[in-house]
Amino acid sequence: MDSFFQRIWELTRQIPPGRVATYGQLALLAGSPRASRVVGSALAACRDPAVPCHRVVDRFGQTKSAFDTWAAGTQRMLLEAEGILFRPDGTVDLEHFQWQP
């Protein structure tokens, strides 16, 4: 598999429960700050349940339903189970829940 994908999966494994990262944040940490869409592709391609892909949201704190294996609302349910709170508009409050490695 692509080494960039593997780097993204490695970074995603580091996001602790109760925290989220953004696609752009992971791209920056992986050394390719303009590759946030590729980060999304890497997460969509991941089939390892040890990689907590559900902890990655967009730059606005929105969840995504692009993962074929997830039913609508699954990402939010998993995040809420870890104690992450959502605003009334359905976004994660990044100021409080964004991972700061």
C-alpha atoms as a PDB file:
ATOM      1  CA  MET A   1       0.000   0.000   0.000  1.00  0.00           C
ATOM      2  CA  ASP A   2       1.060   3.578  -0.590  1.00  0.00           C
ATOM      3  CA  SER A   3       3.517   4.800   2.062  1.00  0.00           C
ATOM      4  CA  PHE A   4       1.592   8.101   2.410  1.00  0.00           C
ATOM      5  CA  PHE A   5      -1.524   6.108   3.250  1.00  0.00           C
ATOM      6  CA  GLN A   6       0.453   4.133   5.829  1.00  0.00           C
ATOM      7  CA  ARG A   7       1.734   7.371   7.378  1.00  0.00           C
ATOM      8  CA  ILE A   8      -1.832   8.676   7.643  1.00  0.00           C
ATOM      9  CA  TRP A   9      -2.977   5.450   9.283  1.00  0.00           C
ATOM     10  CA  GLU A  10      -0.057   5.644  11.730  1.00  0.00           C
ATOM     11  CA  LEU A  11      -0.974   9.225  12.652  1.00  0.00           C
ATOM     12  CA  THR A  12      -4.651   8.347  12.991  1.00  0.00           C
ATOM     13  CA  ARG A  13      -3.777   5.547  15.442  1.00  0.00           C
ATOM     14  CA  GLN A  14      -2.220   8.236  17.665  1.00  0.00           C
ATOM     15  CA  ILE A  15      -5.438  10.250  18.056  1.00  0.00           C
ATOM     16  CA  PRO A  16      -6.611   9.434  21.584  1.00  0.00           C
ATOM     17  CA  PRO A  17     -10.199   8.598  22.490  1.00  0.00           C
ATOM     18  CA  GLY A  18     -12.201  11.761  23.108  1.00  0.00           C
ATOM     19  CA  ARG A  19     -10.221  13.780  20.564  1.00  0.00           C
ATOM     20  CA  VAL A  20     -10.527  14.439  16.839  1.00  0.00           C
ATOM     21  CA  ALA A  21      -8.168  15.574  14.104  1.00  0.00           C
ATOM     22  CA  THR A  22      -8.989  17.193  10.786  1.00  0.00           C
ATOM     23  CA  TYR A  23      -8.034  15.936   7.348  1.00  0.00           C
ATOM     24  CA  GLY A  24      -5.852  19.002   6.864  1.00  0.00           C
ATOM     25  CA  GLN A  25      -4.181  18.541  10.230  1.00  0.00           C
ATOM     26  CA  LEU A  26      -3.189  14.982   9.326  1.00  0.00           C
ATOM     27  CA  ALA A  27      -1.945  16.117   5.917  1.00  0.00           C
ATOM     28  CA  LEU A  28       0.227  18.754   7.587  1.00  0.00           C
ATOM     29  CA  LEU A  29       1.578  16.277  10.154  1.00  0.00           C
ATOM     30  CA  ALA A  30       2.384  13.852   7.323  1.00  0.00           C
ATOM     31  CA  GLY A  31       4.417  16.542   5.576  1.00  0.00           C
ATOM     32  CA  SER A  32       1.976  17.292   2.747  1.00  0.00           C
ATOM     33  CA  PRO A  33      -0.146  20.241   3.917  1.00  0.00           C
ATOM     34  CA  ARG A  34      -2.149  20.434   0.672  1.00  0.00           C
ATOM     35  CA  ALA A  35      -3.113  16.742   0.660  1.00  0.00           C
ATOM     36  CA  SER A  36      -6.247  16.764   2.805  1.00  0.00           C
ATOM     37  CA  ARG A  37      -8.264  15.054   0.056  1.00  0.00           C
ATOM     38  CA  VAL A  38      -5.641  12.314  -0.175  1.00  0.00           C
ATOM     39  CA  VAL A  39      -6.005  11.875   3.594  1.00  0.00           C
ATOM     40  CA  GLY A  40      -9.700  11.232   2.991  1.00  0.00           C
ATOM     41  CA  SER A  41      -8.814   8.643   0.360  1.00  0.00           C
ATOM     42  CA  ALA A  42      -6.377   6.975   2.747  1.00  0.00           C
ATOM     43  CA  LEU A  43      -9.010   6.726   5.462  1.00  0.00           C
ATOM     44  CA  ALA A  44     -11.624   5.432   3.030  1.00  0.00           C
ATOM     45  CA  ALA A  45      -9.175   2.735   1.908  1.00  0.00           C
ATOM     46  CA  CYS A  46      -8.322   1.654   5.439  1.00  0.00           C
ATOM     47  CA  ARG A  47      -9.707  -1.724   6.471  1.00  0.00           C
ATOM     48  CA  ASP A  48      -7.806  -2.049   9.767  1.00  0.00           C
ATOM     49  CA  PRO A  49     -10.213  -1.740  12.708  1.00  0.00           C
ATOM     50  CA  ALA A  50      -7.276  -0.636  14.894  1.00  0.00           C
ATOM     51  CA  VAL A  51      -7.181   2.662  12.970  1.00  0.00           C
ATOM     52  CA  PRO A  52      -9.813   4.968  14.516  1.00  0.00           C
ATOM     53  CA  CYS A  53     -10.869   6.644  11.265  1.00  0.00           C
ATOM     54  CA  HIS A  54     -14.004   7.923  12.984  1.00  0.00           C
ATOM     55  CA  ARG A  55     -11.828  10.423  14.884  1.00  0.00           C
ATOM     56  CA  VAL A  56     -11.132  12.441  11.726  1.00  0.00           C
ATOM     57  CA  VAL A  57     -13.500  15.264  10.778  1.00  0.00           C
ATOM     58  CA  ASP A  58     -13.391  18.094   8.280  1.00  0.00           C
ATOM     59  CA  ARG A  59     -12.040  21.573   8.991  1.00  0.00           C
ATOM     60  CA  PHE A  60     -15.435  22.712  10.247  1.00  0.00           C
ATOM     61  CA  GLY A  61     -15.814  19.767  12.643  1.00  0.00           C
ATOM     62  CA  GLN A  62     -18.334  18.007  10.420  1.00  0.00           C
ATOM     63  CA  THR A  63     -18.525  14.245  10.224  1.00  0.00           C
ATOM     64  CA  LYS A  64     -18.431  12.512   6.866  1.00  0.00           C
ATOM     65  CA  SER A  65     -20.510   9.661   5.530  1.00  0.00           C
ATOM     66  CA  ALA A  66     -18.059   8.770   2.759  1.00  0.00           C
ATOM     67  CA  PHE A  67     -16.992   5.524   4.377  1.00  0.00           C
ATOM     68  CA  ASP A  68     -18.897   2.759   2.616  1.00  0.00           C
ATOM     69  CA  THR A  69     -18.848   0.540   5.679  1.00  0.00           C
ATOM     70  CA  TRP A  70     -20.629   3.067   7.911  1.00  0.00           C
ATOM     71  CA  ALA A  71     -24.331   3.690   8.137  1.00  0.00           C
ATOM     72  CA  ALA A  72     -25.474   7.301   8.416  1.00  0.00           C
ATOM     73  CA  GLY A  73     -24.796   8.653  11.908  1.00  0.00           C
ATOM     74  CA  THR A  74     -22.278   5.960  12.859  1.00  0.00           C
ATOM     75  CA  GLN A  75     -19.308   8.325  13.046  1.00  0.00           C
ATOM     76  CA  ARG A  76     -21.197  10.692  15.329  1.00  0.00           C
ATOM     77  CA  MET A  77     -22.370   7.806  17.509  1.00  0.00           C
ATOM     78  CA  LEU A  78     -18.784   6.531  17.904  1.00  0.00           C
ATOM     79  CA  LEU A  79     -17.498   9.995  18.785  1.00  0.00           C
ATOM     80  CA  GLU A  80     -20.280  10.628  21.297  1.00  0.00           C
ATOM     81  CA  ALA A  81     -19.474   7.270  22.938  1.00  0.00           C
ATOM     82  CA  GLU A  82     -15.962   8.657  23.518  1.00  0.00           C
ATOM     83  CA  GLY A  83     -17.356  11.776  25.191  1.00  0.00           C
ATOM     84  CA  ILE A  84     -17.158  14.174  22.272  1.00  0.00           C
ATOM     85  CA  LEU A  85     -19.943  16.737  22.320  1.00  0.00           C
ATOM     86  CA  PHE A  86     -21.590  18.178  19.247  1.00  0.00           C
ATOM     87  CA  ARG A  87     -22.888  21.688  18.754  1.00  0.00           C
ATOM     88  CA  PRO A  88     -26.547  22.221  17.829  1.00  0.00           C
ATOM     89  CA  ASP A  89     -25.487  22.527  14.176  1.00  0.00           C
ATOM     90  CA  GLY A  90     -24.042  18.991  14.284  1.00  0.00           C
ATOM     91  CA  THR A  91     -20.358  19.918  14.309  1.00  0.00           C
ATOM     92  CA  VAL A  92     -17.635  19.002  16.777  1.00  0.00           C
ATOM     93  CA  ASP A  93     -16.297  21.922  18.805  1.00  0.00           C
ATOM     94  CA  LEU A  94     -12.709  21.799  17.563  1.00  0.00           C
ATOM     95  CA  GLU A  95     -11.593  24.351  20.145  1.00  0.00           C
ATOM     96  CA  HIS A  96     -12.339  21.809  22.876  1.00  0.00           C
ATOM     97  CA  PHE A  97     -11.901  18.436  21.196  1.00  0.00           C
ATOM     98  CA  GLN A  98      -9.179  18.817  18.565  1.00  0.00           C
ATOM     99  CA  TRP A  99      -6.114  16.667  19.177  1.00  0.00           C
ATOM    100  CA  GLN A 100      -2.939  18.648  19.804  1.00  0.00           C
ATOM    101  CA  PRO A 101      -0.007  16.244  19.321  1.00  0.00           C
END
